Amino acid sequence: MVVERKVAASPGRVWLMITDLPGLPRLLSAVDRVEVLTQGGFAVGTRWRETRRTLGRQATEELTVTICEPAERYVTVADSGGMHYACELALAPDGPLARATATTLRLTYTARPGYDRAPTPLTRLLGRLGTRVMARSLARDLEEIARAVETRG
């Protein structure tokens, strides 16, 4: 699934907010806690545990950055409950990069059964139901990112 949101800020400003892992609980209302597991800056190999509330329940997932192109995009993956998740956050400047005052933030999220499991009819049904919930959750995340970046300008 893909959700997009225009943000009235440069890609550089947006990037600083979305890669500030300790600041995620202040940025996103669904995130309760973040535990950074690696040293150094945000880069390929960065890992963290994120505890998030969804449908009134807490879940903790460990995420790993697999692609990192500063101020352009990053991709994280996670494996949990027999599922493999991938999430890409991409930033596209509106206009020439040097003068961009707005950014289109695109979040692409995929969930597939893990490599050791075949999808079952129940998995497929839950996947369709979960897609609607997840789309609303991702759109809320982008809205909260936009609001935070724009007001902290």
N, C-alpha and C. Protein backbone atom coordinates (compact mmCIF):
# COMPACT_ATOMS: atom_id res chain seq x y z
N MET A 1 0.84 -1.17 0.00
CA MET A 1 0.00 0.00 0.00
C MET A 1 0.89 1.23 0.00
N VAL A 2 0.36 2.32 -0.53
CA VAL A 2 1.11 3.56 -0.66
C VAL A 2 0.25 4.71 -0.16
N VAL A 3 0.84 5.57 0.68
CA VAL A 3 0.17 6.80 1.09
C VAL A 3 1.15 7.95 0.88
N GLU A 4 0.60 9.12 0.56
CA GLU A 4 1.43 10.30 0.28
C GLU A 4 0.88 11.51 1.03
N ARG A 5 1.79 12.44 1.28
CA ARG A 5 1.38 13.70 1.93
C ARG A 5 2.39 14.76 1.54
N LYS A 6 1.89 15.92 1.13
CA LYS A 6 2.78 17.06 0.86
C LYS A 6 3.09 17.73 2.19
N VAL A 7 4.36 18.11 2.37
CA VAL A 7 4.82 18.76 3.59
C VAL A 7 5.44 20.10 3.19
N ALA A 8 5.03 21.16 3.88
CA ALA A 8 5.55 22.50 3.58
C ALA A 8 6.90 22.69 4.27
N ALA A 9 7.89 21.95 3.79
CA ALA A 9 9.26 22.02 4.32
C ALA A 9 10.19 21.36 3.31
N SER A 10 11.46 21.70 3.39
CA SER A 10 12.45 21.12 2.48
C SER A 10 12.69 19.66 2.82
N PRO A 11 13.17 18.88 1.84
CA PRO A 11 13.49 17.47 2.13
C PRO A 11 14.49 17.33 3.28
N GLY A 12 15.44 18.24 3.37
CA GLY A 12 16.42 18.16 4.46
C GLY A 12 15.79 18.27 5.83
N ARG A 13 14.85 19.19 5.99
CA ARG A 13 14.16 19.34 7.28
C ARG A 13 13.31 18.12 7.59
N VAL A 14 12.61 17.61 6.59
CA VAL A 14 11.77 16.42 6.79
C VAL A 14 12.66 15.24 7.18
N TRP A 15 13.77 15.07 6.47
CA TRP A 15 14.70 13.96 6.74
C TRP A 15 15.18 13.99 8.18
N LEU A 16 15.55 15.16 8.68
CA LEU A 16 16.03 15.26 10.06
C LEU A 16 14.97 14.78 11.06
N MET A 17 13.72 15.09 10.81
CA MET A 17 12.64 14.67 11.72
C MET A 17 12.40 13.16 11.65
N ILE A 18 12.34 12.60 10.45
CA ILE A 18 11.96 11.19 10.33
C ILE A 18 13.10 10.24 10.67
N THR A 19 14.32 10.73 10.75
CA THR A 19 15.45 9.86 11.10
C THR A 19 15.94 10.11 12.53
N ASP A 20 15.25 10.94 13.28
CA ASP A 20 15.56 11.16 14.70
C ASP A 20 14.85 10.07 15.50
N LEU A 21 15.46 8.91 15.59
CA LEU A 21 14.81 7.76 16.20
C LEU A 21 14.38 8.01 17.65
N PRO A 22 15.24 8.57 18.52
CA PRO A 22 14.78 8.82 19.89
C PRO A 22 13.60 9.79 19.95
N GLY A 23 13.43 10.64 18.93
CA GLY A 23 12.34 11.60 18.91
C GLY A 23 11.04 11.07 18.35
N LEU A 24 11.01 9.83 17.84
CA LEU A 24 9.79 9.30 17.22
C LEU A 24 8.58 9.28 18.16
N PRO A 25 8.75 8.95 19.46
CA PRO A 25 7.57 8.97 20.33
C PRO A 25 6.96 10.37 20.48
N ARG A 26 7.76 11.41 20.32
CA ARG A 26 7.22 12.78 20.36
C ARG A 26 6.61 13.17 19.02
N LEU A 27 7.06 12.55 17.96
CA LEU A 27 6.59 12.87 16.61
C LEU A 27 5.30 12.14 16.26
N LEU A 28 5.23 10.85 16.61
CA LEU A 28 4.12 10.00 16.20
C LEU A 28 3.33 9.52 17.42
N SER A 29 2.06 9.84 17.48
CA SER A 29 1.25 9.51 18.65
C SER A 29 1.10 8.00 18.88
N ALA A 30 1.22 7.19 17.84
CA ALA A 30 1.08 5.74 18.00
C ALA A 30 2.34 5.07 18.54
N VAL A 31 3.47 5.79 18.52
CA VAL A 31 4.73 5.21 18.99
C VAL A 31 4.91 5.53 20.46
N ASP A 32 5.00 4.49 21.27
CA ASP A 32 5.18 4.66 22.71
C ASP A 32 6.64 4.72 23.12
N ARG A 33 7.47 3.91 22.45
CA ARG A 33 8.86 3.80 22.89
C ARG A 33 9.74 3.37 21.72
N VAL A 34 10.98 3.87 21.72
CA VAL A 34 11.99 3.46 20.73
C VAL A 34 13.28 3.15 21.49
N GLU A 35 13.85 2.00 21.18
CA GLU A 35 15.14 1.61 21.75
C GLU A 35 16.10 1.41 20.58
N VAL A 36 17.06 2.32 20.44
CA VAL A 36 18.05 2.22 19.36
C VAL A 36 19.05 1.13 19.74
N LEU A 37 19.30 0.20 18.83
CA LEU A 37 20.14 -0.97 19.11
C LEU A 37 21.54 -0.87 18.51
N THR A 38 21.79 0.14 17.70
CA THR A 38 23.09 0.27 17.05
C THR A 38 23.70 1.63 17.38
N GLN A 39 25.00 1.72 17.21
CA GLN A 39 25.74 2.96 17.43
C GLN A 39 25.82 3.75 16.13
N GLY A 40 26.12 5.04 16.26
CA GLY A 40 26.35 5.87 15.08
C GLY A 40 25.07 6.50 14.57
N GLY A 41 25.21 7.16 13.44
CA GLY A 41 24.08 7.87 12.83
C GLY A 41 23.16 6.94 12.08
N PHE A 42 22.13 7.51 11.51
CA PHE A 42 21.13 6.78 10.75
C PHE A 42 21.74 6.36 9.42
N ALA A 43 21.84 5.04 9.17
CA ALA A 43 22.50 4.52 7.97
C ALA A 43 22.05 3.08 7.74
N VAL A 44 22.49 2.49 6.63
CA VAL A 44 22.23 1.08 6.40
C VAL A 44 22.77 0.30 7.59
N GLY A 45 21.95 -0.61 8.10
CA GLY A 45 22.34 -1.41 9.26
C GLY A 45 21.80 -0.88 10.58
N THR A 46 21.33 0.37 10.61
CA THR A 46 20.75 0.91 11.84
C THR A 46 19.56 0.03 12.23
N ARG A 47 19.51 -0.32 13.55
CA ARG A 47 18.42 -1.16 14.05
C ARG A 47 17.81 -0.51 15.28
N TRP A 48 16.48 -0.68 15.43
CA TRP A 48 15.81 -0.21 16.63
C TRP A 48 14.57 -1.04 16.90
N ARG A 49 14.18 -1.05 18.17
CA ARG A 49 12.90 -1.65 18.58
C ARG A 49 11.91 -0.53 18.75
N GLU A 50 10.76 -0.68 18.15
CA GLU A 50 9.71 0.33 18.20
C GLU A 50 8.46 -0.30 18.79
N THR A 51 7.97 0.29 19.88
CA THR A 51 6.73 -0.16 20.50
C THR A 51 5.64 0.81 20.08
N ARG A 52 4.60 0.26 19.47
CA ARG A 52 3.55 1.05 18.84
C ARG A 52 2.19 0.50 19.27
N ARG A 53 1.22 1.39 19.38
CA ARG A 53 -0.17 1.00 19.67
C ARG A 53 -0.96 0.95 18.37
N THR A 54 -1.62 -0.17 18.16
CA THR A 54 -2.51 -0.32 17.01
C THR A 54 -3.77 -1.02 17.50
N LEU A 55 -4.91 -0.43 17.23
CA LEU A 55 -6.19 -0.97 17.66
C LEU A 55 -6.21 -1.23 19.17
N GLY A 56 -5.59 -0.32 19.92
CA GLY A 56 -5.60 -0.42 21.38
C GLY A 56 -4.62 -1.42 21.97
N ARG A 57 -3.82 -2.06 21.13
CA ARG A 57 -2.86 -3.06 21.61
C ARG A 57 -1.44 -2.60 21.30
N GLN A 58 -0.53 -2.92 22.20
CA GLN A 58 0.87 -2.60 21.97
C GLN A 58 1.57 -3.77 21.28
N ALA A 59 2.48 -3.43 20.39
CA ALA A 59 3.31 -4.43 19.73
C ALA A 59 4.70 -3.83 19.56
N THR A 60 5.71 -4.65 19.78
CA THR A 60 7.09 -4.21 19.61
C THR A 60 7.70 -4.96 18.45
N GLU A 61 8.27 -4.20 17.52
CA GLU A 61 8.93 -4.79 16.35
C GLU A 61 10.36 -4.28 16.28
N GLU A 62 11.25 -5.11 15.76
CA GLU A 62 12.63 -4.68 15.53
C GLU A 62 12.78 -4.37 14.05
N LEU A 63 13.20 -3.14 13.76
CA LEU A 63 13.35 -2.67 12.38
C LEU A 63 14.82 -2.51 12.04
N THR A 64 15.16 -2.78 10.79
CA THR A 64 16.52 -2.64 10.29
C THR A 64 16.50 -1.83 9.00
N VAL A 65 17.37 -0.84 8.91
CA VAL A 65 17.50 -0.04 7.69
C VAL A 65 18.31 -0.85 6.67
N THR A 66 17.72 -1.06 5.49
CA THR A 66 18.41 -1.81 4.44
C THR A 66 18.86 -0.92 3.28
N ILE A 67 18.22 0.21 3.12
CA ILE A 67 18.60 1.20 2.10
C ILE A 67 18.52 2.57 2.76
N CYS A 68 19.54 3.40 2.54
CA CYS A 68 19.54 4.75 3.10
C CYS A 68 20.19 5.70 2.11
N GLU A 69 19.39 6.61 1.58
CA GLU A 69 19.86 7.65 0.67
C GLU A 69 19.42 8.98 1.30
N PRO A 70 20.32 9.60 2.12
CA PRO A 70 19.94 10.78 2.90
C PRO A 70 19.18 11.84 2.10
N ALA A 71 18.11 12.31 2.73
CA ALA A 71 17.20 13.33 2.20
C ALA A 71 16.44 12.86 0.96
N GLU A 72 16.56 11.56 0.61
CA GLU A 72 15.81 11.01 -0.53
C GLU A 72 14.90 9.86 -0.14
N ARG A 73 15.45 8.85 0.56
CA ARG A 73 14.62 7.72 0.95
C ARG A 73 15.37 6.79 1.89
N TYR A 74 14.58 6.03 2.63
CA TYR A 74 15.15 4.90 3.37
C TYR A 74 14.13 3.77 3.38
N VAL A 75 14.65 2.54 3.54
CA VAL A 75 13.82 1.35 3.58
C VAL A 75 14.16 0.59 4.86
N THR A 76 13.11 0.15 5.56
CA THR A 76 13.31 -0.70 6.73
C THR A 76 12.59 -2.02 6.49
N VAL A 77 13.10 -3.07 7.15
CA VAL A 77 12.44 -4.37 7.11
C VAL A 77 12.29 -4.88 8.54
N ALA A 78 11.31 -5.77 8.72
CA ALA A 78 11.08 -6.42 10.01
C ALA A 78 10.42 -7.76 9.74
N ASP A 79 10.70 -8.72 10.61
CA ASP A 79 10.07 -10.03 10.54
C ASP A 79 9.39 -10.28 11.88
N SER A 80 8.10 -10.61 11.82
CA SER A 80 7.36 -10.82 13.06
C SER A 80 6.13 -11.66 12.79
N GLY A 81 5.85 -12.60 13.68
CA GLY A 81 4.64 -13.40 13.57
C GLY A 81 4.50 -14.13 12.25
N GLY A 82 5.62 -14.57 11.68
CA GLY A 82 5.58 -15.27 10.42
C GLY A 82 5.41 -14.39 9.20
N MET A 83 5.46 -13.07 9.41
CA MET A 83 5.31 -12.12 8.30
C MET A 83 6.63 -11.36 8.10
N HIS A 84 6.86 -10.94 6.85
CA HIS A 84 8.01 -10.10 6.49
C HIS A 84 7.44 -8.75 6.05
N TYR A 85 7.89 -7.68 6.72
CA TYR A 85 7.41 -6.33 6.45
C TYR A 85 8.52 -5.48 5.86
N ALA A 86 8.16 -4.64 4.91
CA ALA A 86 9.10 -3.66 4.35
C ALA A 86 8.39 -2.32 4.27
N CYS A 87 9.11 -1.27 4.60
CA CYS A 87 8.53 0.06 4.58
C CYS A 87 9.55 1.02 3.96
N GLU A 88 9.12 1.76 2.95
CA GLU A 88 9.97 2.76 2.32
C GLU A 88 9.38 4.14 2.56
N LEU A 89 10.21 5.05 3.05
CA LEU A 89 9.84 6.45 3.16
C LEU A 89 10.66 7.19 2.12
N ALA A 90 9.99 7.81 1.15
CA ALA A 90 10.67 8.53 0.07
C ALA A 90 10.27 9.99 0.11
N LEU A 91 11.25 10.86 -0.14
CA LEU A 91 11.04 12.30 -0.13
C LEU A 91 11.32 12.84 -1.51
N ALA A 92 10.38 13.59 -2.07
CA ALA A 92 10.56 14.19 -3.39
C ALA A 92 10.38 15.70 -3.25
N PRO A 93 11.43 16.47 -3.60
CA PRO A 93 11.30 17.93 -3.49
C PRO A 93 10.34 18.46 -4.53
N ASP A 94 9.59 19.48 -4.16
CA ASP A 94 8.74 20.18 -5.13
C ASP A 94 9.57 21.33 -5.68
N GLY A 95 10.03 21.17 -6.90
CA GLY A 95 10.88 22.17 -7.52
C GLY A 95 12.35 21.79 -7.38
N PRO A 96 13.24 22.69 -7.86
CA PRO A 96 14.68 22.41 -7.77
C PRO A 96 15.09 22.20 -6.32
N LEU A 97 15.91 21.16 -6.07
CA LEU A 97 16.28 20.78 -4.71
C LEU A 97 16.84 21.94 -3.90
N ALA A 98 17.69 22.74 -4.49
CA ALA A 98 18.34 23.83 -3.75
C ALA A 98 17.34 24.86 -3.23
N ARG A 99 16.18 24.96 -3.89
CA ARG A 99 15.19 25.97 -3.49
C ARG A 99 13.87 25.36 -3.03
N ALA A 100 13.82 24.05 -2.88
CA ALA A 100 12.56 23.38 -2.54
C ALA A 100 12.07 23.82 -1.17
N THR A 101 10.84 24.26 -1.11
CA THR A 101 10.22 24.65 0.15
C THR A 101 9.08 23.71 0.51
N ALA A 102 8.88 22.69 -0.31
CA ALA A 102 7.87 21.67 -0.02
C ALA A 102 8.39 20.31 -0.47
N THR A 103 7.88 19.29 0.16
CA THR A 103 8.32 17.92 -0.09
C THR A 103 7.11 17.02 -0.15
N THR A 104 7.10 16.10 -1.12
CA THR A 104 6.10 15.05 -1.12
C THR A 104 6.72 13.85 -0.40
N LEU A 105 6.08 13.46 0.68
CA LEU A 105 6.53 12.33 1.48
C LEU A 105 5.65 11.13 1.11
N ARG A 106 6.28 10.07 0.61
CA ARG A 106 5.54 8.87 0.17
C ARG A 106 5.99 7.69 1.03
N LEU A 107 5.01 7.01 1.60
CA LEU A 107 5.28 5.83 2.43
C LEU A 107 4.71 4.61 1.71
N THR A 108 5.56 3.65 1.41
CA THR A 108 5.15 2.41 0.75
C THR A 108 5.38 1.27 1.74
N TYR A 109 4.33 0.51 1.99
CA TYR A 109 4.37 -0.54 3.01
C TYR A 109 3.93 -1.86 2.40
N THR A 110 4.70 -2.91 2.63
CA THR A 110 4.31 -4.24 2.17
C THR A 110 4.42 -5.23 3.32
N ALA A 111 3.55 -6.21 3.30
CA ALA A 111 3.58 -7.30 4.28
C ALA A 111 3.31 -8.59 3.53
N ARG A 112 4.19 -9.55 3.74
CA ARG A 112 4.05 -10.84 3.06
C ARG A 112 4.35 -11.95 4.07
N PRO A 113 3.76 -13.12 3.85
CA PRO A 113 4.14 -14.23 4.71
C PRO A 113 5.65 -14.45 4.62
N GLY A 114 6.25 -14.84 5.74
CA GLY A 114 7.70 -15.08 5.76
C GLY A 114 8.08 -16.15 4.76
N TYR A 115 9.37 -16.24 4.52
CA TYR A 115 9.88 -17.16 3.51
C TYR A 115 9.60 -18.61 3.88
N ASP A 116 9.37 -18.88 5.17
CA ASP A 116 9.14 -20.25 5.60
C ASP A 116 7.65 -20.59 5.71
N ARG A 117 6.77 -19.68 5.26
CA ARG A 117 5.33 -19.92 5.37
C ARG A 117 4.62 -19.60 4.06
N ALA A 118 3.63 -20.42 3.75
CA ALA A 118 2.78 -20.14 2.60
C ALA A 118 1.51 -19.45 3.11
N PRO A 119 0.95 -18.52 2.33
CA PRO A 119 -0.28 -17.86 2.77
C PRO A 119 -1.44 -18.85 2.89
N THR A 120 -2.23 -18.67 3.92
CA THR A 120 -3.42 -19.50 4.13
C THR A 120 -4.65 -18.64 3.83
N PRO A 121 -5.84 -19.25 3.70
CA PRO A 121 -7.05 -18.43 3.50
C PRO A 121 -7.26 -17.43 4.64
N LEU A 122 -6.97 -17.82 5.89
CA LEU A 122 -7.11 -16.91 7.01
C LEU A 122 -6.12 -15.75 6.89
N THR A 123 -4.88 -16.06 6.51
CA THR A 123 -3.88 -15.01 6.33
C THR A 123 -4.34 -14.00 5.28
N ARG A 124 -4.91 -14.51 4.19
CA ARG A 124 -5.38 -13.62 3.12
C ARG A 124 -6.53 -12.73 3.61
N LEU A 125 -7.48 -13.32 4.36
CA LEU A 125 -8.60 -12.56 4.89
C LEU A 125 -8.12 -11.48 5.85
N LEU A 126 -7.27 -11.86 6.79
CA LEU A 126 -6.75 -10.89 7.75
C LEU A 126 -5.92 -9.82 7.05
N GLY A 127 -5.25 -10.20 5.98
CA GLY A 127 -4.48 -9.23 5.21
C GLY A 127 -5.35 -8.15 4.61
N ARG A 128 -6.49 -8.55 4.06
CA ARG A 128 -7.41 -7.56 3.47
C ARG A 128 -7.99 -6.64 4.53
N LEU A 129 -8.38 -7.21 5.67
CA LEU A 129 -8.93 -6.39 6.75
C LEU A 129 -7.85 -5.47 7.32
N GLY A 130 -6.67 -6.01 7.51
CA GLY A 130 -5.58 -5.23 8.08
C GLY A 130 -5.12 -4.11 7.16
N THR A 131 -5.30 -4.27 5.86
CA THR A 131 -4.89 -3.25 4.91
C THR A 131 -5.61 -1.94 5.17
N ARG A 132 -6.91 -2.00 5.42
CA ARG A 132 -7.66 -0.77 5.69
C ARG A 132 -7.18 -0.08 6.96
N VAL A 133 -6.99 -0.87 8.01
CA VAL A 133 -6.52 -0.31 9.28
C VAL A 133 -5.13 0.29 9.10
N MET A 134 -4.27 -0.44 8.41
CA MET A 134 -2.90 0.02 8.21
C MET A 134 -2.85 1.29 7.37
N ALA A 135 -3.67 1.38 6.34
CA ALA A 135 -3.69 2.58 5.49
C ALA A 135 -4.06 3.80 6.31
N ARG A 136 -5.05 3.67 7.19
CA ARG A 136 -5.42 4.81 8.06
C ARG A 136 -4.29 5.17 9.01
N SER A 137 -3.63 4.16 9.55
CA SER A 137 -2.53 4.39 10.48
C SER A 137 -1.36 5.09 9.80
N LEU A 138 -1.02 4.65 8.59
CA LEU A 138 0.09 5.26 7.86
C LEU A 138 -0.24 6.69 7.46
N ALA A 139 -1.48 6.94 7.04
CA ALA A 139 -1.89 8.30 6.69
C ALA A 139 -1.81 9.21 7.92
N ARG A 140 -2.19 8.69 9.09
CA ARG A 140 -2.09 9.47 10.33
C ARG A 140 -0.62 9.79 10.65
N ASP A 141 0.26 8.80 10.45
CA ASP A 141 1.70 9.04 10.67
C ASP A 141 2.19 10.19 9.80
N LEU A 142 1.84 10.16 8.51
CA LEU A 142 2.30 11.23 7.60
C LEU A 142 1.72 12.58 8.00
N GLU A 143 0.47 12.58 8.42
CA GLU A 143 -0.17 13.83 8.87
C GLU A 143 0.58 14.39 10.08
N GLU A 144 0.93 13.53 11.02
CA GLU A 144 1.64 13.98 12.23
C GLU A 144 3.05 14.46 11.89
N ILE A 145 3.71 13.80 10.96
CA ILE A 145 5.04 14.25 10.52
C ILE A 145 4.92 15.64 9.91
N ALA A 146 3.97 15.81 9.00
CA ALA A 146 3.79 17.10 8.33
C ALA A 146 3.51 18.20 9.35
N ARG A 147 2.60 17.94 10.26
CA ARG A 147 2.24 18.96 11.27
C ARG A 147 3.47 19.34 12.12
N ALA A 148 4.24 18.33 12.53
CA ALA A 148 5.42 18.61 13.37
C ALA A 148 6.48 19.39 12.62
N VAL A 149 6.78 18.98 11.40
CA VAL A 149 7.81 19.68 10.62
C VAL A 149 7.38 21.11 10.31
N GLU A 150 6.13 21.27 9.93
CA GLU A 150 5.65 22.60 9.54
C GLU A 150 5.57 23.56 10.74
N THR A 151 5.23 23.06 11.90
CA THR A 151 5.10 23.96 13.06
C THR A 151 6.44 24.21 13.75
N ARG A 152 7.41 23.34 13.55
CA ARG A 152 8.73 23.54 14.17
C ARG A 152 9.70 24.24 13.25
N GLY A 153 9.17 24.70 12.10
CA GLY A 153 9.98 25.34 11.07
C GLY A 153 10.99 26.26 11.56
